[in-house]
PDB file of N, CA and C in Angstrom:
ATOM      1  N   MET A   1     -78.577  45.499 106.325  1.00  0.00           N
ATOM      2  CA  MET A   1     -78.675  43.258 106.404  1.00  0.00           C
ATOM      3  C   MET A   1     -79.703  42.346 106.216  1.00  0.00           C
ATOM      4  N   PRO A   2     -79.255  42.172 105.775  1.00  0.00           N
ATOM      5  CA  PRO A   2     -81.086  41.027 105.343  1.00  0.00           C
ATOM      6  C   PRO A   2     -81.488  40.650 107.306  1.00  0.00           C
ATOM      7  N   LYS A   3     -82.759  40.361 106.891  1.00  0.00           N
ATOM      8  CA  LYS A   3     -83.552  39.168 107.966  1.00  0.00           C
ATOM      9  C   LYS A   3     -82.733  37.874 108.283  1.00  0.00           C
ATOM     10  N   MET A   4     -82.406  37.464 109.487  1.00  0.00           N
ATOM     11  CA  MET A   4     -82.155  36.174 109.665  1.00  0.00           C
ATOM     12  C   MET A   4     -83.783  35.166 109.061  1.00  0.00           C
ATOM     13  N   LYS A   5     -83.244  34.080 108.496  1.00  0.00           N
ATOM     14  CA  LYS A   5     -84.392  32.772 108.750  1.00  0.00           C
ATOM     15  C   LYS A   5     -84.059  31.807 109.927  1.00  0.00           C
ATOM     16  N   THR A   6     -85.670  32.233 109.542  1.00  0.00           N
ATOM     17  CA  THR A   6     -86.109  31.139 111.108  1.00  0.00           C
ATOM     18  C   THR A   6     -86.078  29.135 110.171  1.00  0.00           C
ATOM     19  N   HIS A   7     -85.490  28.630 111.145  1.00  0.00           N
ATOM     20  CA  HIS A   7     -84.935  27.271 110.954  1.00  0.00           C
ATOM     21  C   HIS A   7     -87.059  26.274 110.715  1.00  0.00           C
ATOM     22  N   ARG A   8     -87.571  25.937 109.490  1.00  0.00           N
ATOM     23  CA  ARG A   8     -89.025  26.024 109.350  1.00  0.00           C
ATOM     24  C   ARG A   8     -88.361  24.720 110.824  1.00  0.00           C
ATOM     25  N   ALA A   9     -88.053  23.777 110.040  1.00  0.00           N
ATOM     26  CA  ALA A   9     -88.568  22.459 110.990  1.00  0.00           C
ATOM     27  C   ALA A   9     -87.600  22.826 112.586  1.00  0.00           C
ATOM     28  N   ALA A  10     -87.149  23.800 112.324  1.00  0.00           N
ATOM     29  CA  ALA A  10     -87.293  23.285 114.243  1.00  0.00           C
ATOM     30  C   ALA A  10     -88.358  24.677 114.654  1.00  0.00           C
ATOM     31  N   ALA A  11     -88.808  25.137 113.627  1.00  0.00           N
ATOM     32  CA  ALA A  11     -90.258  26.124 114.138  1.00  0.00           C
ATOM     33  C   ALA A  11     -91.060  25.020 114.880  1.00  0.00           C
ATOM     34  N   LYS A  12     -91.760  24.237 113.499  1.00  0.00           N
ATOM     35  CA  LYS A  12     -92.117  23.444 114.200  1.00  0.00           C
ATOM     36  C   LYS A  12     -92.148  22.248 115.333  1.00  0.00           C
ATOM     37  N   ARG A  13     -91.248  21.941 115.444  1.00  0.00           N
ATOM     38  CA  ARG A  13     -90.033  20.735 116.198  1.00  0.00           C
ATOM     39  C   ARG A  13     -89.884  20.996 117.816  1.00  0.00           C
ATOM     40  N   TYR A  14     -90.766  22.366 117.802  1.00  0.00           N
ATOM     41  CA  TYR A  14     -89.818  22.870 119.793  1.00  0.00           C
ATOM     42  C   TYR A  14     -91.272  24.252 119.710  1.00  0.00           C
ATOM     43  N   LYS A  15     -91.178  24.004 120.917  1.00  0.00           N
ATOM     44  CA  LYS A  15     -92.255  25.215 121.800  1.00  0.00           C
ATOM     45  C   LYS A  15     -91.444  26.466 122.798  1.00  0.00           C
ATOM     46  N   VAL A  16     -91.727  27.120 122.492  1.00  0.00           N
ATOM     47  CA  VAL A  16     -91.422  28.073 123.559  1.00  0.00           C
ATOM     48  C   VAL A  16     -91.856  29.729 124.245  1.00  0.00           C
ATOM     49  N   THR A  17     -91.829  28.979 125.882  1.00  0.00           N
ATOM     50  CA  THR A  17     -92.780  29.347 127.147  1.00  0.00           C
ATOM     51  C   THR A  17     -92.382  30.880 126.866  1.00  0.00           C
ATOM     52  N   ALA A  18     -93.684  31.404 127.986  1.00  0.00           N
ATOM     53  CA  ALA A  18     -93.467  32.955 128.134  1.00  0.00           C
ATOM     54  C   ALA A  18     -92.104  33.263 128.432  1.00  0.00           C
ATOM     55  N   SER A  19     -91.892  32.151 129.662  1.00  0.00           N
ATOM     56  CA  SER A  19     -90.394  32.541 130.412  1.00  0.00           C
ATOM     57  C   SER A  19     -89.091  32.420 129.423  1.00  0.00           C
ATOM     58  N   GLY A  20     -89.586  31.967 128.515  1.00  0.00           N
ATOM     59  CA  GLY A  20     -88.098  32.120 127.328  1.00  0.00           C
ATOM     60  C   GLY A  20     -87.815  29.919 127.354  1.00  0.00           C
ATOM     61  N   LYS A  21     -88.148  29.520 128.073  1.00  0.00           N
ATOM     62  CA  LYS A  21     -87.332  28.154 127.887  1.00  0.00           C
ATOM     63  C   LYS A  21     -88.542  27.601 126.671  1.00  0.00           C
ATOM     64  N   ILE A  22     -87.256  26.878 126.044  1.00  0.00           N
ATOM     65  CA  ILE A  22     -88.128  25.465 125.012  1.00  0.00           C
ATOM     66  C   ILE A  22     -88.297  23.988 125.296  1.00  0.00           C
ATOM     67  N   LEU A  23     -89.503  23.824 124.426  1.00  0.00           N
ATOM     68  CA  LEU A  23     -89.744  22.879 124.817  1.00  0.00           C
ATOM     69  C   LEU A  23     -89.404  21.287 124.099  1.00  0.00           C
ATOM     70  N   ARG A  24     -89.209  20.325 123.855  1.00  0.00           N
ATOM     71  CA  ARG A  24     -88.993  19.719 122.989  1.00  0.00           C
ATOM     72  C   ARG A  24     -90.694  18.384 123.588  1.00  0.00           C
ATOM     73  N   ARG A  25     -90.754  17.396 122.570  1.00  0.00           N
ATOM     74  CA  ARG A  25     -90.972  16.631 122.455  1.00  0.00           C
ATOM     75  C   ARG A  25     -89.969  15.118 122.320  1.00  0.00           C
ATOM     76  N   SER A  26     -90.722  13.962 123.407  1.00  0.00           N
ATOM     77  CA  SER A  26     -89.166  12.375 123.795  1.00  0.00           C
ATOM     78  C   SER A  26     -90.364  11.699 122.192  1.00  0.00           C
ATOM     79  N   ALA A  27     -88.246  11.219 122.279  1.00  0.00           N
ATOM     80  CA  ALA A  27     -88.241  10.754 120.575  1.00  0.00           C
ATOM     81  C   ALA A  27     -88.397   9.258 121.407  1.00  0.00           C
ATOM     82  N   GLY A  28     -89.327   8.297 120.493  1.00  0.00           N
ATOM     83  CA  GLY A  28     -89.676   6.747 121.457  1.00  0.00           C
ATOM     84  C   GLY A  28     -91.166   6.977 121.468  1.00  0.00           C
ATOM     85  N   THR A  29     -91.996   7.897 120.964  1.00  0.00           N
ATOM     86  CA  THR A  29     -92.974   7.594 120.649  1.00  0.00           C
ATOM     87  C   THR A  29     -94.214   7.336 119.425  1.00  0.00           C
ATOM     88  N   LYS A  30     -93.824   7.296 118.953  1.00  0.00           N
ATOM     89  CA  LYS A  30     -95.029   7.002 117.735  1.00  0.00           C
ATOM     90  C   LYS A  30     -95.048   5.446 117.852  1.00  0.00           C
ATOM     91  N   HIS A  31     -94.358   4.880 117.407  1.00  0.00           N
ATOM     92  CA  HIS A  31     -94.364   3.526 116.523  1.00  0.00           C
ATOM     93  C   HIS A  31     -93.545   2.183 117.462  1.00  0.00           C
ATOM     94  N   LEU A  32     -93.359   1.540 117.016  1.00  0.00           N
ATOM     95  CA  LEU A  32     -92.939   0.229 117.840  1.00  0.00           C
ATOM     96  C   LEU A  32     -93.855   0.070 119.928  1.00  0.00           C
ATOM     97  N   LEU A  33     -94.282   0.682 120.407  1.00  0.00           N
ATOM     98  CA  LEU A  33     -95.103   1.468 121.299  1.00  0.00           C
ATOM     99  C   LEU A  33     -95.624  -0.850 122.187  1.00  0.00           C
ATOM    100  N   GLN A  34     -95.679  -1.579 121.831  1.00  0.00           N
ATOM    101  CA  GLN A  34     -96.772  -3.177 121.512  1.00  0.00           C
ATOM    102  C   GLN A  34     -95.645  -3.146 122.625  1.00  0.00           C
ATOM    103  N   HIS A  35     -94.449  -3.134 122.337  1.00  0.00           N
ATOM    104  CA  HIS A  35     -92.996  -3.742 123.474  1.00  0.00           C
ATOM    105  C   HIS A  35     -92.938  -2.995 125.245  1.00  0.00           C
ATOM    106  N   LYS A  36     -93.340  -1.527 124.097  1.00  0.00           N
ATOM    107  CA  LYS A  36     -92.504  -0.882 126.048  1.00  0.00           C
ATOM    108  C   LYS A  36     -94.052  -0.389 126.711  1.00  0.00           C
ATOM    109  N   SER A  37     -93.685  -0.966 128.007  1.00  0.00           N
ATOM    110  CA  SER A  37     -94.296  -0.543 128.953  1.00  0.00           C
ATOM    111  C   SER A  37     -95.061   0.825 129.325  1.00  0.00           C
ATOM    112  N   VAL A  38     -96.138   0.181 129.780  1.00  0.00           N
ATOM    113  CA  VAL A  38     -96.824   1.600 129.671  1.00  0.00           C
ATOM    114  C   VAL A  38     -96.504   2.525 131.249  1.00  0.00           C
ATOM    115  N   SER A  39     -95.993   2.870 132.209  1.00  0.00           N
ATOM    116  CA  SER A  39     -94.964   3.090 132.927  1.00  0.00           C
ATOM    117  C   SER A  39     -93.810   4.025 131.250  1.00  0.00           C
ATOM    118  N   ARG A  40     -92.770   3.312 131.091  1.00  0.00           N
ATOM    119  CA  ARG A  40     -92.258   3.677 129.928  1.00  0.00           C
ATOM    120  C   ARG A  40     -93.006   5.227 129.426  1.00  0.00           C
ATOM    121  N   LYS A  41     -93.679   4.413 128.218  1.00  0.00           N
ATOM    122  CA  LYS A  41     -94.804   5.601 128.256  1.00  0.00           C
ATOM    123  C   LYS A  41     -94.879   6.943 128.446  1.00  0.00           C
ATOM    124  N   ARG A  42     -95.875   6.579 129.686  1.00  0.00           N
ATOM    125  CA  ARG A  42     -96.465   7.354 129.892  1.00  0.00           C
ATOM    126  C   ARG A  42     -95.586   8.835 130.745  1.00  0.00           C
ATOM    127  N   ARG A  43     -94.102   7.904 131.004  1.00  0.00           N
ATOM    128  CA  ARG A  43     -92.954   8.657 131.142  1.00  0.00           C
ATOM    129  C   ARG A  43     -92.758   9.581 129.946  1.00  0.00           C
ATOM    130  N   LEU A  44     -92.580   9.184 128.641  1.00  0.00           N
ATOM    131  CA  LEU A  44     -92.813  10.042 127.669  1.00  0.00           C
ATOM    132  C   LEU A  44     -93.312  11.314 127.263  1.00  0.00           C
ATOM    133  N   ALA A  45     -94.892  10.384 127.748  1.00  0.00           N
ATOM    134  CA  ALA A  45     -95.413  12.038 126.689  1.00  0.00           C
ATOM    135  C   ALA A  45     -95.108  13.278 127.671  1.00  0.00           C
ATOM    136  N   GLY A  46     -95.771  13.973 126.448  1.00  0.00           N
ATOM    137  CA  GLY A  46     -95.321  14.963 127.699  1.00  0.00           C
ATOM    138  C   GLY A  46     -94.935  15.722 127.036  1.00  0.00           C
ATOM    139  N   MET A  47     -93.942  17.448 126.949  1.00  0.00           N
ATOM    140  CA  MET A  47     -93.181  18.283 126.186  1.00  0.00           C
ATOM    141  C   MET A  47     -91.832  18.479 127.914  1.00  0.00           C
ATOM    142  N   HIS A  48     -90.482  18.594 127.190  1.00  0.00           N
ATOM    143  CA  HIS A  48     -89.695  18.142 128.623  1.00  0.00           C
ATOM    144  C   HIS A  48     -88.784  19.198 127.590  1.00  0.00           C
ATOM    145  N   GLU A  49     -88.146  19.884 128.878  1.00  0.00           N
ATOM    146  CA  GLU A  49     -87.338  21.205 128.821  1.00  0.00           C
ATOM    147  C   GLU A  49     -85.572  20.343 127.564  1.00  0.00           C
ATOM    148  N   VAL A  50     -85.453  21.548 126.293  1.00  0.00           N
ATOM    149  CA  VAL A  50     -84.187  21.089 126.242  1.00  0.00           C
ATOM    150  C   VAL A  50     -83.291  21.487 126.720  1.00  0.00           C
ATOM    151  N   ALA A  51     -82.204  20.784 126.363  1.00  0.00           N
ATOM    152  CA  ALA A  51     -81.216  20.344 127.281  1.00  0.00           C
ATOM    153  C   ALA A  51     -79.971  21.352 126.882  1.00  0.00           C
ATOM    154  N   SER A  52     -79.359  21.996 127.513  1.00  0.00           N
ATOM    155  CA  SER A  52     -78.316  23.121 128.274  1.00  0.00           C
ATOM    156  C   SER A  52     -77.589  23.038 127.702  1.00  0.00           C
ATOM    157  N   VAL A  53     -77.159  21.760 127.065  1.00  0.00           N
ATOM    158  CA  VAL A  53     -75.616  21.218 125.893  1.00  0.00           C
ATOM    159  C   VAL A  53     -76.487  21.561 124.602  1.00  0.00           C
ATOM    160  N   ASN A  54     -77.778  21.376 124.153  1.00  0.00           N
ATOM    161  CA  ASN A  54     -78.325  21.572 123.280  1.00  0.00           C
ATOM    162  C   ASN A  54     -79.219  22.626 122.614  1.00  0.00           C
ATOM    163  N   LEU A  55     -78.745  24.217 124.396  1.00  0.00           N
ATOM    164  CA  LEU A  55     -79.893  24.760 123.957  1.00  0.00           C
ATOM    165  C   LEU A  55     -78.943  25.625 122.932  1.00  0.00           C
ATOM    166  N   ASP A  56     -77.793  26.506 122.773  1.00  0.00           N
ATOM    167  CA  ASP A  56     -77.272  26.669 121.653  1.00  0.00           C
ATOM    168  C   ASP A  56     -77.518  26.625 120.210  1.00  0.00           C
ATOM    169  N   LEU A  57     -77.211  25.128 120.116  1.00  0.00           N
ATOM    170  CA  LEU A  57     -77.938  24.774 118.972  1.00  0.00           C
ATOM    171  C   LEU A  57     -79.436  24.985 118.564  1.00  0.00           C
ATOM    172  N   VAL A  58     -80.340  24.566 118.926  1.00  0.00           N
ATOM    173  CA  VAL A  58     -81.882  24.923 118.708  1.00  0.00           C
ATOM    174  C   VAL A  58     -81.753  26.808 118.417  1.00  0.00           C
ATOM    175  N   SER A  59     -81.594  26.563 119.550  1.00  0.00           N
ATOM    176  CA  SER A  59     -81.513  28.266 119.446  1.00  0.00           C
ATOM    177  C   SER A  59     -81.353  29.785 118.282  1.00  0.00           C
ATOM    178  N   LYS A  60     -80.312  28.879 117.801  1.00  0.00           N
ATOM    179  CA  LYS A  60     -79.628  28.855 116.116  1.00  0.00           C
ATOM    180  C   LYS A  60     -80.535  29.478 115.269  1.00  0.00           C
ATOM    181  N   GLU A  61     -80.515  28.293 115.578  1.00  0.00           N
ATOM    182  CA  GLU A  61     -82.141  27.886 114.470  1.00  0.00           C
ATOM    183  C   GLU A  61     -83.070  28.248 114.833  1.00  0.00           C
ATOM    184  N   LEU A  62     -83.722  28.983 116.091  1.00  0.00           N
ATOM    185  CA  LEU A  62     -84.996  29.881 115.933  1.00  0.00           C
ATOM    186  C   LEU A  62     -84.642  31.131 116.332  1.00  0.00           C
ATOM    187  N   PRO A  63     -84.144  32.527 115.409  1.00  0.00           N
ATOM    188  CA  PRO A  63     -83.355  33.691 115.638  1.00  0.00           C
ATOM    189  C   PRO A  63     -84.504  34.014 116.270  1.00  0.00           C
ATOM    190  N   TYR A  64     -86.192  33.982 115.768  1.00  0.00           N
ATOM    191  CA  TYR A  64     -87.037  34.931 116.550  1.00  0.00           C
ATOM    192  C   TYR A  64     -88.609  34.323 116.899  1.00  0.00           C
ATOM    193  N   MET A  65     -87.158  33.566 118.216  1.00  0.00           N
ATOM    194  CA  MET A  65     -88.408  33.201 119.670  1.00  0.00           C
ATOM    195  C   MET A  65     -89.737  33.220 119.813  1.00  0.00           C
ATOM    196  N   LYS A  66     -90.143  34.822 119.998  1.00  0.00           N
ATOM    197  CA  LYS A  66     -91.241  34.393 119.970  1.00  0.00           C
ATOM    198  C   LYS A  66     -91.876  34.724 118.825  1.00  0.00           C
ATOM    199  N   TYR A  67     -92.141  34.310 117.703  1.00  0.00           N
ATOM    200  CA  TYR A  67     -92.685  33.705 116.739  1.00  0.00           C
ATOM    201  C   TYR A  67     -93.092  32.151 116.541  1.00  0.00           C
ATOM    202  N   SER A  68     -92.130  31.302 117.302  1.00  0.00           N
ATOM    203  CA  SER A  68     -92.187  30.008 116.997  1.00  0.00           C
ATOM    204  C   SER A  68     -93.236  29.374 117.868  1.00  0.00           C
ATOM    205  N   ARG A  69     -94.128  28.025 117.047  1.00  0.00           N
ATOM    206  CA  ARG A  69     -94.754  27.477 117.574  1.00  0.00           C
ATOM    207  C   ARG A  69     -94.933  26.272 117.409  1.00  0.00           C
TER     208      ARG A  69
END
């Protein structure tokens, strides 16, 4: 059988922790920031865990999760 290929866009967007959790960045942090409150921008900053609903879809794109950055 041929090797499975990692979805390169997914590998760039997600980070896998040592315990196997998949982290993502928040949406809405790139532009149009002038009307968003400071507390809202602070809440959106940083990495968040991928929801359990989407975990199967994301894991399918990262067959070799150990190597994704």
